[in-house]
Every structure is written in structure tokens, then in C-alpha cells.
Amino acid sequence: MAVASLGSVKPLDVVFLASMAEHFSKWVSLEEHGLNCGVGSALLEWLNDQRVAGVSLRRLGVPDAFIHELGNQAYTRSRLCLDAEGLTRFLKAKAT
């Protein structure tokens, strides 16, 4: 499994992405903020613009909706399934 950590959304490291597209067909982006206009969106645009076939991307992050329950960072991550347990459940479900 390869793990990429992008320090910022722009500019995308297109050489790295092209290499990853050659080796991995399932991608997951994880964001601790809204999904719109984040790294997942930038990846989708790049995949589309480059006409990369055979790569599926699942974006995980805060939905584009008002969150009525607020709390500290750990609580919010847990409620949105963006904590370790939520990510583990997601990855196990996708692996089967």
C-alpha cells in the first residue's frame, strides 16, 4: 500500500500522480474539512483532464451540509467517521 501526503492542494505533483495511476486503481482522499474544492476535487479534475482510465477515487471528508452537533476535534472526527475506527470500517468494507 502506498500512502501519499500532499502538503498543499496546489500545485499537484502530476509526475507522482501519473506514477500512482500506473500502479494503483483504487484511490482514497481524506480531508478534515469540506469535500468541495479540496484535494479530492483536485484529484478528480486531474483524473478527468488527463483522461486517466481505470482509477476510482473515493473522497472522504466533511459533507456539504450544516453540522448540528459540535464538539472538539476528536468528537467531530468520530461523528463523521473520519477517525481511526471509521476509516478502518470503511477500508475493510471496501476490501471485501
PDB file of N, CA and C in Angstrom:
ATOM      1  N   MET A   1       0.842  -1.166   0.000  1.00  0.00           N
ATOM      2  CA  MET A   1       0.000   0.000   0.000  1.00  0.00           C
ATOM      3  C   MET A   1       0.889   1.231   0.000  1.00  0.00           C
ATOM      4  N   ALA A   2       0.568   2.175  -0.833  1.00  0.00           N
ATOM      5  CA  ALA A   2       1.303   3.441  -0.872  1.00  0.00           C
ATOM      6  C   ALA A   2       0.466   4.509  -0.196  1.00  0.00           C
ATOM      7  N   VAL A   3       1.118   5.362   0.524  1.00  0.00           N
ATOM      8  CA  VAL A   3       0.435   6.463   1.190  1.00  0.00           C
ATOM      9  C   VAL A   3       1.073   7.754   0.717  1.00  0.00           C
ATOM     10  N   ALA A   4       0.247   8.648   0.257  1.00  0.00           N
ATOM     11  CA  ALA A   4       0.744   9.939  -0.209  1.00  0.00           C
ATOM     12  C   ALA A   4       0.265  11.015   0.743  1.00  0.00           C
ATOM     13  N   SER A   5       1.118  11.922   1.032  1.00  0.00           N
ATOM     14  CA  SER A   5       0.745  13.055   1.857  1.00  0.00           C
ATOM     15  C   SER A   5       1.061  14.316   1.074  1.00  0.00           C
ATOM     16  N   LEU A   6       0.018  15.005   0.680  1.00  0.00           N
ATOM     17  CA  LEU A   6       0.203  16.235  -0.069  1.00  0.00           C
ATOM     18  C   LEU A   6       0.225  17.393   0.920  1.00  0.00           C
ATOM     19  N   GLY A   7       1.273  18.203   0.889  1.00  0.00           N
ATOM     20  CA  GLY A   7       1.369  19.339   1.796  1.00  0.00           C
ATOM     21  C   GLY A   7       0.373  20.430   1.472  1.00  0.00           C
ATOM     22  N   SER A   8       0.017  20.539   0.229  1.00  0.00           N
ATOM     23  CA  SER A   8      -0.996  21.501  -0.181  1.00  0.00           C
ATOM     24  C   SER A   8      -1.661  20.970  -1.438  1.00  0.00           C
ATOM     25  N   VAL A   9      -2.775  21.573  -1.776  1.00  0.00           N
ATOM     26  CA  VAL A   9      -3.523  21.108  -2.940  1.00  0.00           C
ATOM     27  C   VAL A   9      -2.838  21.530  -4.234  1.00  0.00           C
ATOM     28  N   LYS A  10      -2.288  22.718  -4.247  1.00  0.00           N
ATOM     29  CA  LYS A  10      -1.680  23.232  -5.473  1.00  0.00           C
ATOM     30  C   LYS A  10      -0.228  23.582  -5.232  1.00  0.00           C
ATOM     31  N   PRO A  11       0.600  23.352  -6.177  1.00  0.00           N
ATOM     32  CA  PRO A  11       0.335  22.621  -7.419  1.00  0.00           C
ATOM     33  C   PRO A  11       0.362  21.113  -7.159  1.00  0.00           C
ATOM     34  N   LEU A  12      -0.450  20.389  -7.890  1.00  0.00           N
ATOM     35  CA  LEU A  12      -0.431  18.936  -7.790  1.00  0.00           C
ATOM     36  C   LEU A  12       0.877  18.400  -8.345  1.00  0.00           C
ATOM     37  N   ASP A  13       1.372  17.364  -7.729  1.00  0.00           N
ATOM     38  CA  ASP A  13       2.577  16.697  -8.216  1.00  0.00           C
ATOM     39  C   ASP A  13       2.135  15.709  -9.289  1.00  0.00           C
ATOM     40  N   VAL A  14       2.033  16.183 -10.516  1.00  0.00           N
ATOM     41  CA  VAL A  14       1.469  15.381 -11.596  1.00  0.00           C
ATOM     42  C   VAL A  14       2.352  14.198 -11.972  1.00  0.00           C
ATOM     43  N   VAL A  15       3.642  14.299 -11.767  1.00  0.00           N
ATOM     44  CA  VAL A  15       4.532  13.172 -12.042  1.00  0.00           C
ATOM     45  C   VAL A  15       4.244  12.047 -11.050  1.00  0.00           C
ATOM     46  N   PHE A  16       4.099  12.423  -9.777  1.00  0.00           N
ATOM     47  CA  PHE A  16       3.760  11.438  -8.749  1.00  0.00           C
ATOM     48  C   PHE A  16       2.399  10.813  -9.032  1.00  0.00           C
ATOM     49  N   LEU A  17       1.408  11.640  -9.361  1.00  0.00           N
ATOM     50  CA  LEU A  17       0.069  11.121  -9.627  1.00  0.00           C
ATOM     51  C   LEU A  17       0.050  10.167 -10.809  1.00  0.00           C
ATOM     52  N   ALA A  18       0.760  10.506 -11.860  1.00  0.00           N
ATOM     53  CA  ALA A  18       0.817   9.619 -13.029  1.00  0.00           C
ATOM     54  C   ALA A  18       1.433   8.282 -12.656  1.00  0.00           C
ATOM     55  N   SER A  19       2.463   8.314 -11.836  1.00  0.00           N
ATOM     56  CA  SER A  19       3.099   7.080 -11.381  1.00  0.00           C
ATOM     57  C   SER A  19       2.128   6.250 -10.547  1.00  0.00           C
ATOM     58  N   MET A  20       1.396   6.905  -9.656  1.00  0.00           N
ATOM     59  CA  MET A  20       0.433   6.191  -8.816  1.00  0.00           C
ATOM     60  C   MET A  20      -0.701   5.605  -9.653  1.00  0.00           C
ATOM     61  N   ALA A  21      -1.119   6.312 -10.696  1.00  0.00           N
ATOM     62  CA  ALA A  21      -2.189   5.829 -11.560  1.00  0.00           C
ATOM     63  C   ALA A  21      -1.767   4.569 -12.315  1.00  0.00           C
ATOM     64  N   GLU A  22      -0.489   4.430 -12.567  1.00  0.00           N
ATOM     65  CA  GLU A  22       0.010   3.241 -13.246  1.00  0.00           C
ATOM     66  C   GLU A  22      -0.006   2.011 -12.337  1.00  0.00           C
ATOM     67  N   HIS A  23       0.092   2.237 -11.027  1.00  0.00           N
ATOM     68  CA  HIS A  23       0.258   1.126 -10.084  1.00  0.00           C
ATOM     69  C   HIS A  23      -0.958   0.837  -9.213  1.00  0.00           C
ATOM     70  N   PHE A  24      -1.849   1.808  -9.058  1.00  0.00           N
ATOM     71  CA  PHE A  24      -2.976   1.635  -8.147  1.00  0.00           C
ATOM     72  C   PHE A  24      -4.266   2.077  -8.817  1.00  0.00           C
ATOM     73  N   SER A  25      -5.284   1.227  -8.736  1.00  0.00           N
ATOM     74  CA  SER A  25      -6.558   1.545  -9.384  1.00  0.00           C
ATOM     75  C   SER A  25      -7.590   2.102  -8.407  1.00  0.00           C
ATOM     76  N   LYS A  26      -7.358   1.961  -7.121  1.00  0.00           N
ATOM     77  CA  LYS A  26      -8.300   2.466  -6.121  1.00  0.00           C
ATOM     78  C   LYS A  26      -7.603   3.504  -5.260  1.00  0.00           C
ATOM     79  N   TRP A  27      -8.144   4.715  -5.278  1.00  0.00           N
ATOM     80  CA  TRP A  27      -7.590   5.824  -4.518  1.00  0.00           C
ATOM     81  C   TRP A  27      -8.605   6.290  -3.486  1.00  0.00           C
ATOM     82  N   VAL A  28      -8.093   6.784  -2.367  1.00  0.00           N
ATOM     83  CA  VAL A  28      -8.924   7.382  -1.331  1.00  0.00           C
ATOM     84  C   VAL A  28      -8.284   8.703  -0.935  1.00  0.00           C
ATOM     85  N   SER A  29      -9.080   9.756  -0.933  1.00  0.00           N
ATOM     86  CA  SER A  29      -8.591  11.028  -0.394  1.00  0.00           C
ATOM     87  C   SER A  29      -9.302  11.254   0.934  1.00  0.00           C
ATOM     88  N   LEU A  30      -8.578  11.784   1.885  1.00  0.00           N
ATOM     89  CA  LEU A  30      -9.116  12.036   3.221  1.00  0.00           C
ATOM     90  C   LEU A  30      -8.886  13.492   3.559  1.00  0.00           C
ATOM     91  N   GLU A  31      -9.966  14.168   3.903  1.00  0.00           N
ATOM     92  CA  GLU A  31      -9.875  15.585   4.218  1.00  0.00           C
ATOM     93  C   GLU A  31     -10.592  15.862   5.527  1.00  0.00           C
ATOM     94  N   GLU A  32     -10.016  16.719   6.314  1.00  0.00           N
ATOM     95  CA  GLU A  32     -10.612  17.080   7.595  1.00  0.00           C
ATOM     96  C   GLU A  32     -11.391  18.390   7.470  1.00  0.00           C
ATOM     97  N   HIS A  33     -11.926  18.595   6.315  1.00  0.00           N
ATOM     98  CA  HIS A  33     -12.742  19.774   6.042  1.00  0.00           C
ATOM     99  C   HIS A  33     -13.695  19.419   4.913  1.00  0.00           C
ATOM    100  N   GLY A  34     -14.389  20.397   4.387  1.00  0.00           N
ATOM    101  CA  GLY A  34     -15.377  20.139   3.343  1.00  0.00           C
ATOM    102  C   GLY A  34     -14.790  19.455   2.120  1.00  0.00           C
ATOM    103  N   LEU A  35     -15.599  18.595   1.537  1.00  0.00           N
ATOM    104  CA  LEU A  35     -15.166  17.863   0.339  1.00  0.00           C
ATOM    105  C   LEU A  35     -15.039  18.761  -0.882  1.00  0.00           C
ATOM    106  N   ASN A  36     -15.897  19.762  -0.981  1.00  0.00           N
ATOM    107  CA  ASN A  36     -15.879  20.639  -2.161  1.00  0.00           C
ATOM    108  C   ASN A  36     -14.602  21.464  -2.195  1.00  0.00           C
ATOM    109  N   CYS A  37     -13.970  21.474  -3.330  1.00  0.00           N
ATOM    110  CA  CYS A  37     -12.782  22.283  -3.600  1.00  0.00           C
ATOM    111  C   CYS A  37     -11.555  21.860  -2.807  1.00  0.00           C
ATOM    112  N   GLY A  38     -11.517  20.641  -2.368  1.00  0.00           N
ATOM    113  CA  GLY A  38     -10.365  20.140  -1.631  1.00  0.00           C
ATOM    114  C   GLY A  38      -9.453  19.304  -2.510  1.00  0.00           C
ATOM    115  N   VAL A  39      -8.591  18.537  -1.875  1.00  0.00           N
ATOM    116  CA  VAL A  39      -7.638  17.723  -2.627  1.00  0.00           C
ATOM    117  C   VAL A  39      -8.360  16.648  -3.439  1.00  0.00           C
ATOM    118  N   GLY A  40      -9.450  16.096  -2.903  1.00  0.00           N
ATOM    119  CA  GLY A  40     -10.207  15.092  -3.661  1.00  0.00           C
ATOM    120  C   GLY A  40     -10.775  15.666  -4.942  1.00  0.00           C
ATOM    121  N   SER A  41     -11.287  16.878  -4.860  1.00  0.00           N
ATOM    122  CA  SER A  41     -11.802  17.546  -6.059  1.00  0.00           C
ATOM    123  C   SER A  41     -10.689  17.798  -7.068  1.00  0.00           C
ATOM    124  N   ALA A  42      -9.535  18.218  -6.561  1.00  0.00           N
ATOM    125  CA  ALA A  42      -8.390  18.453  -7.458  1.00  0.00           C
ATOM    126  C   ALA A  42      -7.956  17.150  -8.123  1.00  0.00           C
ATOM    127  N   LEU A  43      -7.980  16.060  -7.375  1.00  0.00           N
ATOM    128  CA  LEU A  43      -7.620  14.767  -7.963  1.00  0.00           C
ATOM    129  C   LEU A  43      -8.627  14.347  -9.022  1.00  0.00           C
ATOM    130  N   LEU A  44      -9.910  14.528  -8.744  1.00  0.00           N
ATOM    131  CA  LEU A  44     -10.933  14.196  -9.740  1.00  0.00           C
ATOM    132  C   LEU A  44     -10.754  15.009 -11.017  1.00  0.00           C
ATOM    133  N   GLU A  45     -10.471  16.284 -10.867  1.00  0.00           N
ATOM    134  CA  GLU A  45     -10.252  17.129 -12.041  1.00  0.00           C
ATOM    135  C   GLU A  45      -9.042  16.648 -12.827  1.00  0.00           C
ATOM    136  N   TRP A  46      -7.967  16.319 -12.129  1.00  0.00           N
ATOM    137  CA  TRP A  46      -6.760  15.855 -12.813  1.00  0.00           C
ATOM    138  C   TRP A  46      -7.033  14.540 -13.539  1.00  0.00           C
ATOM    139  N   LEU A  47      -7.695  13.605 -12.850  1.00  0.00           N
ATOM    140  CA  LEU A  47      -8.013  12.321 -13.493  1.00  0.00           C
ATOM    141  C   LEU A  47      -8.860  12.538 -14.742  1.00  0.00           C
ATOM    142  N   ASN A  48      -9.822  13.440 -14.669  1.00  0.00           N
ATOM    143  CA  ASN A  48     -10.680  13.731 -15.811  1.00  0.00           C
ATOM    144  C   ASN A  48      -9.903  14.430 -16.930  1.00  0.00           C
ATOM    145  N   ASP A  49      -9.169  15.467 -16.583  1.00  0.00           N
ATOM    146  CA  ASP A  49      -8.445  16.236 -17.599  1.00  0.00           C
ATOM    147  C   ASP A  49      -7.403  15.388 -18.327  1.00  0.00           C
ATOM    148  N   GLN A  50      -6.783  14.460 -17.602  1.00  0.00           N
ATOM    149  CA  GLN A  50      -5.767  13.602 -18.204  1.00  0.00           C
ATOM    150  C   GLN A  50      -6.372  12.350 -18.843  1.00  0.00           C
ATOM    151  N   ARG A  51      -7.684  12.220 -18.693  1.00  0.00           N
ATOM    152  CA  ARG A  51      -8.406  11.048 -19.217  1.00  0.00           C
ATOM    153  C   ARG A  51      -7.800   9.743 -18.706  1.00  0.00           C
ATOM    154  N   VAL A  52      -7.541   9.721 -17.401  1.00  0.00           N
ATOM    155  CA  VAL A  52      -6.981   8.529 -16.768  1.00  0.00           C
ATOM    156  C   VAL A  52      -8.106   7.519 -16.603  1.00  0.00           C
ATOM    157  N   ALA A  53      -7.931   6.365 -17.211  1.00  0.00           N
ATOM    158  CA  ALA A  53      -8.942   5.309 -17.118  1.00  0.00           C
ATOM    159  C   ALA A  53      -8.509   4.285 -16.074  1.00  0.00           C
ATOM    160  N   GLY A  54      -9.484   3.663 -15.468  1.00  0.00           N
ATOM    161  CA  GLY A  54      -9.188   2.562 -14.567  1.00  0.00           C
ATOM    162  C   GLY A  54      -8.854   2.956 -13.135  1.00  0.00           C
ATOM    163  N   VAL A  55      -8.978   4.224 -12.797  1.00  0.00           N
ATOM    164  CA  VAL A  55      -8.735   4.667 -11.418  1.00  0.00           C
ATOM    165  C   VAL A  55     -10.053   5.139 -10.834  1.00  0.00           C
ATOM    166  N   SER A  56     -10.418   4.553  -9.692  1.00  0.00           N
ATOM    167  CA  SER A  56     -11.601   5.037  -8.981  1.00  0.00           C
ATOM    168  C   SER A  56     -11.128   5.766  -7.726  1.00  0.00           C
ATOM    169  N   LEU A  57     -11.780   6.859  -7.428  1.00  0.00           N
ATOM    170  CA  LEU A  57     -11.404   7.698  -6.291  1.00  0.00           C
ATOM    171  C   LEU A  57     -12.589   7.837  -5.367  1.00  0.00           C
ATOM    172  N   ARG A  58     -12.393   7.546  -4.105  1.00  0.00           N
ATOM    173  CA  ARG A  58     -13.419   7.760  -3.075  1.00  0.00           C
ATOM    174  C   ARG A  58     -12.944   8.899  -2.185  1.00  0.00           C
ATOM    175  N   ARG A  59     -13.740   9.944  -2.092  1.00  0.00           N
ATOM    176  CA  ARG A  59     -13.391  11.105  -1.278  1.00  0.00           C
ATOM    177  C   ARG A  59     -14.057  10.994   0.085  1.00  0.00           C
ATOM    178  N   LEU A  60     -13.264  11.123   1.127  1.00  0.00           N
ATOM    179  CA  LEU A  60     -13.777  11.119   2.490  1.00  0.00           C
ATOM    180  C   LEU A  60     -13.501  12.484   3.098  1.00  0.00           C
ATOM    181  N   GLY A  61     -14.487  13.018   3.756  1.00  0.00           N
ATOM    182  CA  GLY A  61     -14.329  14.318   4.378  1.00  0.00           C
ATOM    183  C   GLY A  61     -15.652  14.798   4.927  1.00  0.00           C
ATOM    184  N   VAL A  62     -15.725  16.063   5.225  1.00  0.00           N
ATOM    185  CA  VAL A  62     -16.923  16.659   5.796  1.00  0.00           C
ATOM    186  C   VAL A  62     -17.926  16.902   4.673  1.00  0.00           C
ATOM    187  N   PRO A  63     -19.143  16.371   4.813  1.00  0.00           N
ATOM    188  CA  PRO A  63     -20.143  16.567   3.761  1.00  0.00           C
ATOM    189  C   PRO A  63     -20.534  18.031   3.634  1.00  0.00           C
ATOM    190  N   ASP A  64     -21.079  18.364   2.484  1.00  0.00           N
ATOM    191  CA  ASP A  64     -21.512  19.737   2.225  1.00  0.00           C
ATOM    192  C   ASP A  64     -22.894  19.946   2.845  1.00  0.00           C
ATOM    193  N   ALA A  65     -22.914  19.958   4.162  1.00  0.00           N
ATOM    194  CA  ALA A  65     -24.157  20.121   4.901  1.00  0.00           C
ATOM    195  C   ALA A  65     -23.836  20.769   6.239  1.00  0.00           C
ATOM    196  N   PHE A  66     -24.825  21.400   6.827  1.00  0.00           N
ATOM    197  CA  PHE A  66     -24.624  22.020   8.123  1.00  0.00           C
ATOM    198  C   PHE A  66     -24.521  20.932   9.182  1.00  0.00           C
ATOM    199  N   ILE A  67     -23.516  21.001  10.012  1.00  0.00           N
ATOM    200  CA  ILE A  67     -23.320  20.028  11.080  1.00  0.00           C
ATOM    201  C   ILE A  67     -23.930  20.613  12.351  1.00  0.00           C
ATOM    202  N   HIS A  68     -24.963  19.965  12.853  1.00  0.00           N
ATOM    203  CA  HIS A  68     -25.689  20.484  14.006  1.00  0.00           C
ATOM    204  C   HIS A  68     -25.042  20.111  15.332  1.00  0.00           C
ATOM    205  N   GLU A  69     -24.254  19.060  15.331  1.00  0.00           N
ATOM    206  CA  GLU A  69     -23.598  18.629  16.556  1.00  0.00           C
ATOM    207  C   GLU A  69     -22.146  19.061  16.516  1.00  0.00           C
ATOM    208  N   LEU A  70     -21.758  19.862  17.465  1.00  0.00           N
ATOM    209  CA  LEU A  70     -20.386  20.345  17.508  1.00  0.00           C
ATOM    210  C   LEU A  70     -19.678  19.801  18.736  1.00  0.00           C
ATOM    211  N   GLY A  71     -18.394  19.728  18.640  1.00  0.00           N
ATOM    212  CA  GLY A  71     -17.583  19.272  19.757  1.00  0.00           C
ATOM    213  C   GLY A  71     -16.128  19.506  19.430  1.00  0.00           C
ATOM    214  N   ASN A  72     -15.264  18.900  20.206  1.00  0.00           N
ATOM    215  CA  ASN A  72     -13.839  19.048  19.930  1.00  0.00           C
ATOM    216  C   ASN A  72     -13.472  18.237  18.685  1.00  0.00           C
ATOM    217  N   GLN A  73     -12.224  18.304  18.302  1.00  0.00           N
ATOM    218  CA  GLN A  73     -11.782  17.662  17.072  1.00  0.00           C
ATOM    219  C   GLN A  73     -12.004  16.152  17.094  1.00  0.00           C
ATOM    220  N   ALA A  74     -11.689  15.500  18.200  1.00  0.00           N
ATOM    221  CA  ALA A  74     -11.862  14.048  18.292  1.00  0.00           C
ATOM    222  C   ALA A  74     -13.338  13.666  18.174  1.00  0.00           C
ATOM    223  N   TYR A  75     -14.214  14.416  18.832  1.00  0.00           N
ATOM    224  CA  TYR A  75     -15.646  14.139  18.769  1.00  0.00           C
ATOM    225  C   TYR A  75     -16.162  14.303  17.341  1.00  0.00           C
ATOM    226  N   THR A  76     -15.786  15.386  16.702  1.00  0.00           N
ATOM    227  CA  THR A  76     -16.262  15.653  15.348  1.00  0.00           C
ATOM    228  C   THR A  76     -15.758  14.608  14.366  1.00  0.00           C
ATOM    229  N   ARG A  77     -14.491  14.241  14.480  1.00  0.00           N
ATOM    230  CA  ARG A  77     -13.961  13.181  13.615  1.00  0.00           C
ATOM    231  C   ARG A  77     -14.754  11.890  13.799  1.00  0.00           C
ATOM    232  N   SER A  78     -15.051  11.548  15.047  1.00  0.00           N
ATOM    233  CA  SER A  78     -15.795  10.326  15.340  1.00  0.00           C
ATOM    234  C   SER A  78     -17.197  10.383  14.738  1.00  0.00           C
ATOM    235  N   ARG A  79     -17.905  11.490  14.905  1.00  0.00           N
ATOM    236  CA  ARG A  79     -19.268  11.631  14.381  1.00  0.00           C
ATOM    237  C   ARG A  79     -19.301  11.544  12.856  1.00  0.00           C
ATOM    238  N   LEU A  80     -18.237  11.996  12.200  1.00  0.00           N
ATOM    239  CA  LEU A  80     -18.177  11.986  10.734  1.00  0.00           C
ATOM    240  C   LEU A  80     -17.480  10.741  10.186  1.00  0.00           C
ATOM    241  N   CYS A  81     -17.125   9.815  11.075  1.00  0.00           N
ATOM    242  CA  CYS A  81     -16.413   8.571  10.701  1.00  0.00           C
ATOM    243  C   CYS A  81     -15.065   8.871  10.049  1.00  0.00           C
ATOM    244  N   LEU A  82     -14.433   9.952  10.482  1.00  0.00           N
ATOM    245  CA  LEU A  82     -13.120  10.315   9.962  1.00  0.00           C
ATOM    246  C   LEU A  82     -12.025  10.016  10.988  1.00  0.00           C
ATOM    247  N   ASP A  83     -12.368   9.244  12.013  1.00  0.00           N
ATOM    248  CA  ASP A  83     -11.376   8.828  12.994  1.00  0.00           C
ATOM    249  C   ASP A  83     -10.827   7.460  12.592  1.00  0.00           C
ATOM    250  N   ALA A  84      -9.912   6.936  13.372  1.00  0.00           N
ATOM    251  CA  ALA A  84      -9.272   5.660  13.026  1.00  0.00           C
ATOM    252  C   ALA A  84     -10.288   4.535  12.890  1.00  0.00           C
ATOM    253  N   GLU A  85     -11.254   4.482  13.782  1.00  0.00           N
ATOM    254  CA  GLU A  85     -12.269   3.428  13.714  1.00  0.00           C
ATOM    255  C   GLU A  85     -13.126   3.546  12.462  1.00  0.00           C
ATOM    256  N   GLY A  86     -13.549   4.755  12.142  1.00  0.00           N
ATOM    257  CA  GLY A  86     -14.365   4.960  10.947  1.00  0.00           C
ATOM    258  C   GLY A  86     -13.614   4.630   9.673  1.00  0.00           C
ATOM    259  N   LEU A  87     -12.352   5.027   9.615  1.00  0.00           N
ATOM    260  CA  LEU A  87     -11.534   4.731   8.435  1.00  0.00           C
ATOM    261  C   LEU A  87     -11.292   3.237   8.301  1.00  0.00           C
ATOM    262  N   THR A  88     -11.064   2.569   9.435  1.00  0.00           N
ATOM    263  CA  THR A  88     -10.857   1.119   9.413  1.00  0.00           C
ATOM    264  C   THR A  88     -12.101   0.415   8.896  1.00  0.00           C
ATOM    265  N   ARG A  89     -13.279   0.818   9.379  1.00  0.00           N
ATOM    266  CA  ARG A  89     -14.532   0.219   8.890  1.00  0.00           C
ATOM    267  C   ARG A  89     -14.695   0.452   7.386  1.00  0.00           C
ATOM    268  N   PHE A  90     -14.412   1.663   6.933  1.00  0.00           N
ATOM    269  CA  PHE A  90     -14.538   1.983   5.511  1.00  0.00           C
ATOM    270  C   PHE A  90     -13.606   1.103   4.671  1.00  0.00           C
ATOM    271  N   LEU A  91     -12.342   1.021   5.061  1.00  0.00           N
ATOM    272  CA  LEU A  91     -11.375   0.257   4.281  1.00  0.00           C
ATOM    273  C   LEU A  91     -11.678  -1.243   4.300  1.00  0.00           C
ATOM    274  N   LYS A  92     -12.119  -1.761   5.427  1.00  0.00           N
ATOM    275  CA  LYS A  92     -12.485  -3.186   5.489  1.00  0.00           C
ATOM    276  C   LYS A  92     -13.699  -3.472   4.612  1.00  0.00           C
ATOM    277  N   ALA A  93     -14.662  -2.571   4.619  1.00  0.00           N
ATOM    278  CA  ALA A  93     -15.858  -2.770   3.792  1.00  0.00           C
ATOM    279  C   ALA A  93     -15.512  -2.739   2.314  1.00  0.00           C
ATOM    280  N   LYS A  94     -14.573  -1.888   1.915  1.00  0.00           N
ATOM    281  CA  LYS A  94     -14.184  -1.778   0.512  1.00  0.00           C
ATOM    282  C   LYS A  94     -13.286  -2.923   0.079  1.00  0.00           C
ATOM    283  N   ALA A  95     -12.621  -3.570   1.032  1.00  0.00           N
ATOM    284  CA  ALA A  95     -11.696  -4.661   0.692  1.00  0.00           C
ATOM    285  C   ALA A  95     -12.427  -5.964   0.398  1.00  0.00           C
ATOM    286  N   THR A  96     -13.679  -6.049   0.849  1.00  0.00           N
ATOM    287  CA  THR A  96     -14.404  -7.300   0.644  1.00  0.00           C
ATOM    288  C   THR A  96     -15.236  -7.276  -0.595  1.00  0.00           C
TER     289      THR A  96
END
